Amino acid sequence: MKHYNAVATALEKGTYAPIFDHRAVTAETFWQMWMEGFTQAVALSPESWSKLEEADDELIPTAFSAMMILAAKADPEWLAEIALEEVGDEAEKEFVEDAPEIITESVFTLYDWTRSRDAAHIRSGADIAPPRAEKVGRNEPCPCGSGKKYKKGCGPKDAEALAEFMRNKAA
């Protein structure tokens, strides 16, 4: 949550940008690792990301497609999984050369769109209560799948995490 909040704050200030690894000797930027994280995010919640493809603003599907093409370039096996059409050699070369800039621009475009969409949703008065996880009783099986009771499994870890959060919040 600390990282999430730091990123959210940076986005609000307009100072956020994807962080890439750089090799000073060759002046090469390694964007592929960032794209691996992006593919993991898409895999975690594909239905959320599919909304981008259906956006009214034509910039949104274009930005998302650019990200998907770069993700496929970073991981060719993923290209087969998502059944994305291959890009021509010349366009692919240009994408790879400009990948850090394309990623950064796409991130800002997608972020701006989601923020405006969220703001419109709030203005419409729609109920936006956050989803709540069901509370696990102490003697119920631990949801982590260990087979232990919650009080012997994740319960103590959750209590420690909550105590740490409260200490940090108080500081």
N, C-alpha and C. Protein backbone atom coordinates (compact mmCIF):
# COMPACT_ATOMS: atom_id res chain seq x y z
N MET A 1 0.82 -1.19 0.00
CA MET A 1 0.00 0.00 0.00
C MET A 1 0.87 1.26 0.00
N LYS A 2 2.02 1.17 0.67
CA LYS A 2 2.90 2.33 0.71
C LYS A 2 3.35 2.71 -0.70
N HIS A 3 3.73 1.68 -1.48
CA HIS A 3 4.15 1.92 -2.87
C HIS A 3 2.97 2.44 -3.69
N TYR A 4 1.81 1.84 -3.52
CA TYR A 4 0.61 2.26 -4.24
C TYR A 4 0.32 3.74 -3.96
N ASN A 5 0.35 4.11 -2.68
CA ASN A 5 0.06 5.49 -2.31
C ASN A 5 1.12 6.45 -2.84
N ALA A 6 2.37 6.03 -2.85
CA ALA A 6 3.44 6.88 -3.39
C ALA A 6 3.22 7.11 -4.89
N VAL A 7 2.85 6.06 -5.61
CA VAL A 7 2.60 6.19 -7.04
C VAL A 7 1.36 7.06 -7.28
N ALA A 8 0.31 6.84 -6.50
CA ALA A 8 -0.92 7.64 -6.66
C ALA A 8 -0.64 9.12 -6.40
N THR A 9 0.15 9.42 -5.38
CA THR A 9 0.51 10.81 -5.08
C THR A 9 1.33 11.40 -6.21
N ALA A 10 2.28 10.64 -6.72
CA ALA A 10 3.11 11.13 -7.83
C ALA A 10 2.25 11.38 -9.07
N LEU A 11 1.29 10.50 -9.33
CA LEU A 11 0.41 10.70 -10.48
C LEU A 11 -0.41 11.97 -10.31
N GLU A 12 -0.91 12.20 -9.11
CA GLU A 12 -1.70 13.41 -8.85
C GLU A 12 -0.87 14.67 -9.11
N LYS A 13 0.41 14.62 -8.76
CA LYS A 13 1.29 15.77 -8.96
C LYS A 13 1.78 15.86 -10.40
N GLY A 14 1.56 14.79 -11.18
CA GLY A 14 2.03 14.78 -12.56
C GLY A 14 3.51 14.49 -12.68
N THR A 15 4.10 13.91 -11.64
CA THR A 15 5.54 13.65 -11.66
C THR A 15 5.88 12.19 -11.89
N TYR A 16 4.88 11.36 -12.03
CA TYR A 16 5.13 9.93 -12.20
C TYR A 16 5.57 9.62 -13.61
N ALA A 17 6.47 8.70 -13.72
CA ALA A 17 6.87 8.15 -15.02
C ALA A 17 7.35 6.73 -14.78
N PRO A 18 7.14 5.84 -15.72
CA PRO A 18 7.66 4.49 -15.56
C PRO A 18 9.16 4.52 -15.31
N ILE A 19 9.63 3.64 -14.47
CA ILE A 19 11.05 3.58 -14.14
C ILE A 19 11.67 2.44 -14.93
N PHE A 20 12.66 2.81 -15.73
CA PHE A 20 13.35 1.84 -16.57
C PHE A 20 14.80 1.71 -16.10
N ASP A 21 15.37 0.55 -16.36
CA ASP A 21 16.78 0.32 -16.07
C ASP A 21 17.60 0.85 -17.24
N HIS A 22 18.71 1.50 -16.95
CA HIS A 22 19.57 2.06 -18.00
C HIS A 22 20.97 1.48 -17.88
N ARG A 23 21.58 1.24 -19.01
CA ARG A 23 22.98 0.82 -19.04
C ARG A 23 23.78 2.01 -19.57
N ALA A 24 24.58 2.61 -18.69
CA ALA A 24 25.31 3.83 -19.03
C ALA A 24 26.32 3.61 -20.15
N VAL A 25 26.96 2.45 -20.17
CA VAL A 25 28.02 2.19 -21.15
C VAL A 25 27.48 2.26 -22.57
N THR A 26 26.32 1.66 -22.80
CA THR A 26 25.75 1.63 -24.15
C THR A 26 24.60 2.62 -24.32
N ALA A 27 24.24 3.32 -23.26
CA ALA A 27 23.10 4.24 -23.27
C ALA A 27 21.81 3.52 -23.66
N GLU A 28 21.74 2.25 -23.32
CA GLU A 28 20.57 1.44 -23.66
C GLU A 28 19.57 1.47 -22.50
N THR A 29 18.31 1.56 -22.84
CA THR A 29 17.24 1.55 -21.85
C THR A 29 16.55 0.20 -21.91
N PHE A 30 16.40 -0.43 -20.76
CA PHE A 30 15.74 -1.74 -20.68
C PHE A 30 14.30 -1.54 -20.22
N TRP A 31 13.41 -1.49 -21.17
CA TRP A 31 11.99 -1.30 -20.90
C TRP A 31 11.27 -2.63 -20.78
N GLN A 32 11.91 -3.70 -21.20
CA GLN A 32 11.25 -5.01 -21.25
C GLN A 32 10.81 -5.49 -19.87
N MET A 33 11.62 -5.22 -18.83
CA MET A 33 11.24 -5.66 -17.49
C MET A 33 9.99 -4.92 -17.01
N TRP A 34 9.87 -3.64 -17.35
CA TRP A 34 8.68 -2.88 -16.99
C TRP A 34 7.47 -3.50 -17.67
N MET A 35 7.64 -3.89 -18.93
CA MET A 35 6.53 -4.48 -19.67
C MET A 35 6.14 -5.85 -19.10
N GLU A 36 7.08 -6.58 -18.54
CA GLU A 36 6.75 -7.85 -17.89
C GLU A 36 5.79 -7.60 -16.73
N GLY A 37 6.05 -6.54 -15.96
CA GLY A 37 5.14 -6.18 -14.87
C GLY A 37 3.77 -5.78 -15.40
N PHE A 38 3.76 -5.08 -16.52
CA PHE A 38 2.50 -4.69 -17.15
C PHE A 38 1.70 -5.92 -17.55
N THR A 39 2.36 -6.90 -18.18
CA THR A 39 1.65 -8.11 -18.59
C THR A 39 1.10 -8.86 -17.39
N GLN A 40 1.81 -8.83 -16.27
CA GLN A 40 1.31 -9.46 -15.06
C GLN A 40 0.05 -8.75 -14.56
N ALA A 41 0.06 -7.42 -14.65
CA ALA A 41 -1.12 -6.64 -14.23
C ALA A 41 -2.32 -6.97 -15.11
N VAL A 42 -2.09 -7.07 -16.41
CA VAL A 42 -3.18 -7.40 -17.34
C VAL A 42 -3.69 -8.81 -17.05
N ALA A 43 -2.77 -9.74 -16.78
CA ALA A 43 -3.17 -11.13 -16.50
C ALA A 43 -3.96 -11.24 -15.19
N LEU A 44 -3.67 -10.37 -14.23
CA LEU A 44 -4.38 -10.42 -12.95
C LEU A 44 -5.84 -10.01 -13.07
N SER A 45 -6.13 -9.07 -13.97
CA SER A 45 -7.50 -8.57 -14.10
C SER A 45 -7.81 -8.22 -15.55
N PRO A 46 -7.89 -9.23 -16.42
CA PRO A 46 -8.11 -8.95 -17.84
C PRO A 46 -9.42 -8.21 -18.12
N GLU A 47 -10.46 -8.48 -17.32
CA GLU A 47 -11.74 -7.80 -17.57
C GLU A 47 -11.63 -6.30 -17.32
N SER A 48 -10.81 -5.89 -16.38
CA SER A 48 -10.62 -4.45 -16.14
C SER A 48 -9.92 -3.79 -17.31
N TRP A 49 -8.92 -4.46 -17.85
CA TRP A 49 -8.15 -3.89 -18.96
C TRP A 49 -8.94 -3.90 -20.25
N SER A 50 -9.87 -4.83 -20.40
CA SER A 50 -10.65 -4.90 -21.65
C SER A 50 -11.51 -3.65 -21.83
N LYS A 51 -11.83 -2.95 -20.75
CA LYS A 51 -12.62 -1.71 -20.84
C LYS A 51 -11.88 -0.66 -21.65
N LEU A 52 -10.56 -0.71 -21.63
CA LEU A 52 -9.76 0.26 -22.38
C LEU A 52 -9.96 0.11 -23.88
N GLU A 53 -10.14 -1.13 -24.32
CA GLU A 53 -10.33 -1.38 -25.75
C GLU A 53 -11.68 -0.87 -26.25
N GLU A 54 -12.64 -0.70 -25.32
CA GLU A 54 -13.99 -0.28 -25.69
C GLU A 54 -14.23 1.21 -25.45
N ALA A 55 -13.18 1.97 -25.11
CA ALA A 55 -13.33 3.40 -24.77
C ALA A 55 -13.81 4.20 -25.97
N ASP A 56 -14.58 5.25 -25.69
CA ASP A 56 -15.08 6.14 -26.74
C ASP A 56 -13.96 6.98 -27.35
N ASP A 57 -13.03 7.42 -26.53
CA ASP A 57 -11.91 8.24 -26.99
C ASP A 57 -10.93 7.34 -27.74
N GLU A 58 -10.66 7.65 -29.01
CA GLU A 58 -9.82 6.77 -29.83
C GLU A 58 -8.38 6.70 -29.35
N LEU A 59 -7.94 7.67 -28.55
CA LEU A 59 -6.57 7.63 -28.01
C LEU A 59 -6.38 6.46 -27.04
N ILE A 60 -7.42 6.09 -26.34
CA ILE A 60 -7.31 5.06 -25.31
C ILE A 60 -7.02 3.69 -25.91
N PRO A 61 -7.84 3.20 -26.86
CA PRO A 61 -7.49 1.90 -27.47
C PRO A 61 -6.13 1.94 -28.18
N THR A 62 -5.77 3.09 -28.74
CA THR A 62 -4.48 3.21 -29.42
C THR A 62 -3.33 3.09 -28.41
N ALA A 63 -3.45 3.78 -27.29
CA ALA A 63 -2.42 3.71 -26.25
C ALA A 63 -2.33 2.29 -25.70
N PHE A 64 -3.48 1.68 -25.46
CA PHE A 64 -3.49 0.31 -24.92
C PHE A 64 -2.90 -0.67 -25.93
N SER A 65 -3.24 -0.51 -27.20
CA SER A 65 -2.68 -1.39 -28.24
C SER A 65 -1.18 -1.24 -28.32
N ALA A 66 -0.68 -0.01 -28.21
CA ALA A 66 0.77 0.21 -28.23
C ALA A 66 1.43 -0.54 -27.08
N MET A 67 0.80 -0.48 -25.91
CA MET A 67 1.34 -1.19 -24.74
C MET A 67 1.32 -2.70 -24.99
N MET A 68 0.25 -3.19 -25.57
CA MET A 68 0.14 -4.63 -25.82
C MET A 68 1.18 -5.08 -26.85
N ILE A 69 1.43 -4.27 -27.87
CA ILE A 69 2.43 -4.62 -28.88
C ILE A 69 3.81 -4.69 -28.22
N LEU A 70 4.12 -3.71 -27.40
CA LEU A 70 5.42 -3.72 -26.71
C LEU A 70 5.52 -4.87 -25.72
N ALA A 71 4.42 -5.18 -25.06
CA ALA A 71 4.42 -6.32 -24.15
C ALA A 71 4.69 -7.61 -24.90
N ALA A 72 4.08 -7.73 -26.07
CA ALA A 72 4.30 -8.92 -26.90
C ALA A 72 5.74 -8.97 -27.41
N LYS A 73 6.30 -7.80 -27.71
CA LYS A 73 7.69 -7.76 -28.17
C LYS A 73 8.64 -8.16 -27.04
N ALA A 74 8.31 -7.74 -25.82
CA ALA A 74 9.14 -8.10 -24.67
C ALA A 74 9.03 -9.58 -24.34
N ASP A 75 7.87 -10.18 -24.64
CA ASP A 75 7.64 -11.59 -24.34
C ASP A 75 6.88 -12.22 -25.50
N PRO A 76 7.60 -12.75 -26.51
CA PRO A 76 6.95 -13.31 -27.70
C PRO A 76 5.94 -14.42 -27.40
N GLU A 77 6.15 -15.17 -26.33
CA GLU A 77 5.19 -16.23 -25.98
C GLU A 77 3.83 -15.62 -25.61
N TRP A 78 3.88 -14.44 -25.01
CA TRP A 78 2.65 -13.76 -24.62
C TRP A 78 1.86 -13.35 -25.86
N LEU A 79 2.56 -13.02 -26.93
CA LEU A 79 1.91 -12.65 -28.19
C LEU A 79 0.97 -13.77 -28.64
N ALA A 80 1.45 -14.99 -28.55
CA ALA A 80 0.62 -16.13 -28.95
C ALA A 80 -0.58 -16.29 -28.01
N GLU A 81 -0.37 -16.05 -26.71
CA GLU A 81 -1.45 -16.20 -25.73
C GLU A 81 -2.59 -15.22 -25.96
N ILE A 82 -2.26 -13.99 -26.31
CA ILE A 82 -3.31 -12.97 -26.44
C ILE A 82 -3.84 -12.83 -27.86
N ALA A 83 -3.26 -13.59 -28.78
CA ALA A 83 -3.70 -13.59 -30.18
C ALA A 83 -3.69 -12.18 -30.78
N LEU A 84 -2.63 -11.44 -30.54
CA LEU A 84 -2.48 -10.10 -31.08
C LEU A 84 -1.88 -10.20 -32.47
N GLU A 85 -2.39 -9.39 -33.37
CA GLU A 85 -1.84 -9.41 -34.72
C GLU A 85 -0.41 -8.89 -34.69
N GLU A 86 0.44 -9.51 -35.48
CA GLU A 86 1.82 -9.06 -35.53
C GLU A 86 1.92 -7.76 -36.31
N VAL A 87 2.90 -6.96 -35.94
CA VAL A 87 3.13 -5.67 -36.57
C VAL A 87 4.22 -5.84 -37.61
N GLY A 88 4.17 -5.04 -38.68
CA GLY A 88 5.19 -5.11 -39.72
C GLY A 88 6.57 -4.82 -39.17
N ASP A 89 7.61 -5.31 -39.87
CA ASP A 89 8.98 -5.17 -39.41
C ASP A 89 9.40 -3.72 -39.19
N GLU A 90 9.02 -2.84 -40.10
CA GLU A 90 9.41 -1.44 -39.99
C GLU A 90 8.73 -0.78 -38.78
N ALA A 91 7.44 -1.02 -38.62
CA ALA A 91 6.71 -0.45 -37.48
C ALA A 91 7.23 -1.03 -36.17
N GLU A 92 7.56 -2.32 -36.18
CA GLU A 92 8.07 -2.97 -34.99
C GLU A 92 9.41 -2.36 -34.58
N LYS A 93 10.28 -2.12 -35.55
CA LYS A 93 11.58 -1.52 -35.28
C LYS A 93 11.41 -0.14 -34.66
N GLU A 94 10.48 0.64 -35.21
CA GLU A 94 10.21 1.99 -34.68
C GLU A 94 9.65 1.90 -33.26
N PHE A 95 8.75 0.95 -33.02
CA PHE A 95 8.18 0.76 -31.69
C PHE A 95 9.28 0.45 -30.69
N VAL A 96 10.16 -0.44 -31.04
CA VAL A 96 11.22 -0.85 -30.12
C VAL A 96 12.16 0.31 -29.83
N GLU A 97 12.51 1.08 -30.85
CA GLU A 97 13.41 2.22 -30.65
C GLU A 97 12.78 3.27 -29.74
N ASP A 98 11.48 3.48 -29.89
CA ASP A 98 10.78 4.51 -29.14
C ASP A 98 10.04 3.96 -27.92
N ALA A 99 10.30 2.71 -27.54
CA ALA A 99 9.53 2.05 -26.48
C ALA A 99 9.43 2.85 -25.18
N PRO A 100 10.53 3.36 -24.62
CA PRO A 100 10.37 4.10 -23.36
C PRO A 100 9.44 5.31 -23.48
N GLU A 101 9.53 6.03 -24.58
CA GLU A 101 8.66 7.20 -24.78
C GLU A 101 7.21 6.77 -25.00
N ILE A 102 7.02 5.71 -25.77
CA ILE A 102 5.67 5.21 -26.04
C ILE A 102 5.02 4.73 -24.74
N ILE A 103 5.78 4.00 -23.94
CA ILE A 103 5.25 3.50 -22.67
C ILE A 103 4.86 4.66 -21.77
N THR A 104 5.75 5.63 -21.63
CA THR A 104 5.48 6.77 -20.76
C THR A 104 4.25 7.54 -21.22
N GLU A 105 4.17 7.83 -22.50
CA GLU A 105 3.03 8.56 -23.04
C GLU A 105 1.74 7.76 -22.87
N SER A 106 1.81 6.46 -23.12
CA SER A 106 0.61 5.61 -22.98
C SER A 106 0.15 5.54 -21.54
N VAL A 107 1.09 5.45 -20.61
CA VAL A 107 0.73 5.40 -19.19
C VAL A 107 -0.03 6.66 -18.80
N PHE A 108 0.48 7.83 -19.21
CA PHE A 108 -0.21 9.08 -18.89
C PHE A 108 -1.58 9.16 -19.56
N THR A 109 -1.67 8.73 -20.80
CA THR A 109 -2.95 8.77 -21.51
C THR A 109 -3.98 7.88 -20.82
N LEU A 110 -3.58 6.65 -20.48
CA LEU A 110 -4.49 5.72 -19.83
C LEU A 110 -4.86 6.20 -18.43
N TYR A 111 -3.89 6.76 -17.72
CA TYR A 111 -4.17 7.27 -16.38
C TYR A 111 -5.16 8.43 -16.43
N ASP A 112 -4.92 9.39 -17.32
CA ASP A 112 -5.83 10.53 -17.43
C ASP A 112 -7.25 10.08 -17.75
N TRP A 113 -7.38 9.11 -18.64
CA TRP A 113 -8.70 8.62 -19.02
C TRP A 113 -9.39 7.94 -17.84
N THR A 114 -8.67 7.10 -17.12
CA THR A 114 -9.29 6.40 -15.99
C THR A 114 -9.68 7.39 -14.90
N ARG A 115 -8.85 8.40 -14.66
CA ARG A 115 -9.18 9.41 -13.64
C ARG A 115 -10.43 10.20 -14.05
N SER A 116 -10.52 10.59 -15.32
CA SER A 116 -11.71 11.35 -15.75
C SER A 116 -12.94 10.46 -15.70
N ARG A 117 -12.79 9.21 -16.02
CA ARG A 117 -13.90 8.25 -15.98
C ARG A 117 -14.36 8.05 -14.54
N ASP A 118 -13.40 7.92 -13.61
CA ASP A 118 -13.74 7.76 -12.20
C ASP A 118 -14.45 9.01 -11.68
N ALA A 119 -13.94 10.18 -12.07
CA ALA A 119 -14.55 11.43 -11.62
C ALA A 119 -15.99 11.55 -12.14
N ALA A 120 -16.21 11.16 -13.38
CA ALA A 120 -17.57 11.19 -13.95
C ALA A 120 -18.48 10.22 -13.20
N HIS A 121 -17.95 9.09 -12.83
CA HIS A 121 -18.71 8.08 -12.10
C HIS A 121 -19.12 8.64 -10.73
N ILE A 122 -18.20 9.33 -10.07
CA ILE A 122 -18.49 9.90 -8.77
C ILE A 122 -19.54 11.02 -8.90
N ARG A 123 -19.37 11.87 -9.91
CA ARG A 123 -20.33 12.96 -10.13
C ARG A 123 -21.72 12.43 -10.43
N SER A 124 -21.81 11.26 -11.04
CA SER A 124 -23.12 10.71 -11.39
C SER A 124 -23.88 10.23 -10.15
N GLY A 125 -23.18 10.17 -9.01
CA GLY A 125 -23.82 9.75 -7.77
C GLY A 125 -23.93 8.24 -7.64
N ALA A 126 -23.25 7.52 -8.51
CA ALA A 126 -23.30 6.06 -8.44
C ALA A 126 -22.64 5.57 -7.16
N ASP A 127 -23.13 4.48 -6.67
CA ASP A 127 -22.58 3.89 -5.45
C ASP A 127 -21.22 3.31 -5.77
N ILE A 128 -20.19 3.82 -5.12
CA ILE A 128 -18.83 3.34 -5.41
C ILE A 128 -18.16 2.77 -4.16
N ALA A 129 -18.95 2.11 -3.35
CA ALA A 129 -18.38 1.51 -2.14
C ALA A 129 -17.32 0.49 -2.54
N PRO A 130 -16.17 0.53 -1.87
CA PRO A 130 -15.11 -0.42 -2.21
C PRO A 130 -15.54 -1.84 -1.86
N PRO A 131 -15.07 -2.80 -2.63
CA PRO A 131 -15.41 -4.18 -2.32
C PRO A 131 -14.81 -4.58 -0.97
N ARG A 132 -15.53 -5.34 -0.23
CA ARG A 132 -15.08 -5.78 1.09
C ARG A 132 -14.86 -7.29 1.07
N ALA A 133 -13.77 -7.70 1.67
CA ALA A 133 -13.51 -9.12 1.79
C ALA A 133 -14.30 -9.64 2.98
N GLU A 134 -14.74 -10.88 2.87
CA GLU A 134 -15.46 -11.46 4.00
C GLU A 134 -14.49 -11.67 5.14
N LYS A 135 -14.96 -11.43 6.34
CA LYS A 135 -14.13 -11.60 7.52
C LYS A 135 -13.98 -13.10 7.79
N VAL A 136 -12.77 -13.48 8.13
CA VAL A 136 -12.49 -14.88 8.41
C VAL A 136 -12.46 -15.06 9.92
N GLY A 137 -13.21 -16.02 10.42
CA GLY A 137 -13.21 -16.31 11.85
C GLY A 137 -11.92 -16.98 12.28
N ARG A 138 -11.56 -16.81 13.53
CA ARG A 138 -10.30 -17.37 14.05
C ARG A 138 -10.19 -18.88 13.85
N ASN A 139 -11.30 -19.59 14.02
CA ASN A 139 -11.26 -21.05 13.96
C ASN A 139 -11.62 -21.61 12.59
N GLU A 140 -11.85 -20.72 11.61
CA GLU A 140 -12.15 -21.18 10.26
C GLU A 140 -10.85 -21.50 9.53
N PRO A 141 -10.93 -22.32 8.46
CA PRO A 141 -9.72 -22.61 7.69
C PRO A 141 -9.12 -21.32 7.11
N CYS A 142 -7.81 -21.25 7.11
CA CYS A 142 -7.11 -20.06 6.60
C CYS A 142 -7.34 -19.96 5.09
N PRO A 143 -7.67 -18.76 4.57
CA PRO A 143 -7.93 -18.60 3.14
C PRO A 143 -6.69 -18.79 2.27
N CYS A 144 -5.50 -18.87 2.87
CA CYS A 144 -4.29 -19.05 2.07
C CYS A 144 -4.18 -20.47 1.55
N GLY A 145 -5.01 -21.39 2.07
CA GLY A 145 -4.99 -22.75 1.57
C GLY A 145 -4.01 -23.66 2.29
N SER A 146 -3.45 -23.20 3.40
CA SER A 146 -2.47 -24.00 4.13
C SER A 146 -3.09 -25.19 4.85
N GLY A 147 -4.42 -25.13 5.07
CA GLY A 147 -5.09 -26.19 5.80
C GLY A 147 -5.13 -25.92 7.30
N LYS A 148 -4.42 -24.91 7.77
CA LYS A 148 -4.41 -24.55 9.18
C LYS A 148 -5.62 -23.67 9.48
N LYS A 149 -5.93 -23.58 10.78
CA LYS A 149 -6.95 -22.61 11.18
C LYS A 149 -6.37 -21.22 10.98
N TYR A 150 -7.23 -20.25 10.76
CA TYR A 150 -6.79 -18.87 10.51
C TYR A 150 -5.91 -18.37 11.66
N LYS A 151 -6.27 -18.72 12.91
CA LYS A 151 -5.50 -18.22 14.06
C LYS A 151 -4.09 -18.80 14.09
N LYS A 152 -3.87 -19.93 13.42
CA LYS A 152 -2.54 -20.54 13.38
C LYS A 152 -1.82 -20.24 12.06
N GLY A 153 -2.56 -19.74 11.08
CA GLY A 153 -1.98 -19.46 9.76
C GLY A 153 -1.68 -17.99 9.59
N CYS A 154 -2.52 -17.30 8.81
CA CYS A 154 -2.29 -15.90 8.47
C CYS A 154 -2.77 -14.92 9.53
N GLY A 155 -3.59 -15.37 10.45
CA GLY A 155 -4.13 -14.47 11.48
C GLY A 155 -3.05 -13.68 12.20
N PRO A 156 -2.03 -14.35 12.75
CA PRO A 156 -0.97 -13.59 13.43
C PRO A 156 -0.22 -12.63 12.50
N LYS A 157 -0.02 -13.04 11.24
CA LYS A 157 0.66 -12.17 10.27
C LYS A 157 -0.18 -10.93 9.99
N ASP A 158 -1.50 -11.13 9.84
CA ASP A 158 -2.40 -10.00 9.59
C ASP A 158 -2.40 -9.04 10.78
N ALA A 159 -2.38 -9.59 11.98
CA ALA A 159 -2.37 -8.76 13.18
C ALA A 159 -1.08 -7.95 13.25
N GLU A 160 0.06 -8.59 12.91
CA GLU A 160 1.34 -7.88 12.90
C GLU A 160 1.34 -6.77 11.86
N ALA A 161 0.81 -7.05 10.68
CA ALA A 161 0.76 -6.05 9.61
C ALA A 161 -0.11 -4.87 10.02
N LEU A 162 -1.24 -5.15 10.65
CA LEU A 162 -2.13 -4.09 11.11
C LEU A 162 -1.44 -3.24 12.17
N ALA A 163 -0.77 -3.90 13.11
CA ALA A 163 -0.06 -3.17 14.17
C ALA A 163 1.03 -2.28 13.58
N GLU A 164 1.77 -2.80 12.59
CA GLU A 164 2.82 -2.02 11.93
C GLU A 164 2.22 -0.82 11.21
N PHE A 165 1.10 -1.03 10.52
CA PHE A 165 0.41 0.06 9.83
C PHE A 165 0.00 1.15 10.81
N MET A 166 -0.56 0.74 11.95
CA MET A 166 -1.01 1.72 12.94
C MET A 166 0.18 2.48 13.54
N ARG A 167 1.31 1.79 13.77
CA ARG A 167 2.51 2.47 14.28
C ARG A 167 2.99 3.50 13.27
N ASN A 168 3.04 3.12 11.99
CA ASN A 168 3.50 4.05 10.94
C ASN A 168 2.54 5.22 10.80
N LYS A 169 1.26 4.95 10.91
CA LYS A 169 0.25 6.01 10.77
C LYS A 169 0.38 7.01 11.92
N ALA A 170 0.67 6.50 13.11
CA ALA A 170 0.79 7.35 14.28
C ALA A 170 2.07 8.20 14.21
N ALA A 171 3.09 7.69 13.50
CA ALA A 171 4.38 8.40 13.45
C ALA A 171 4.36 9.61 12.58
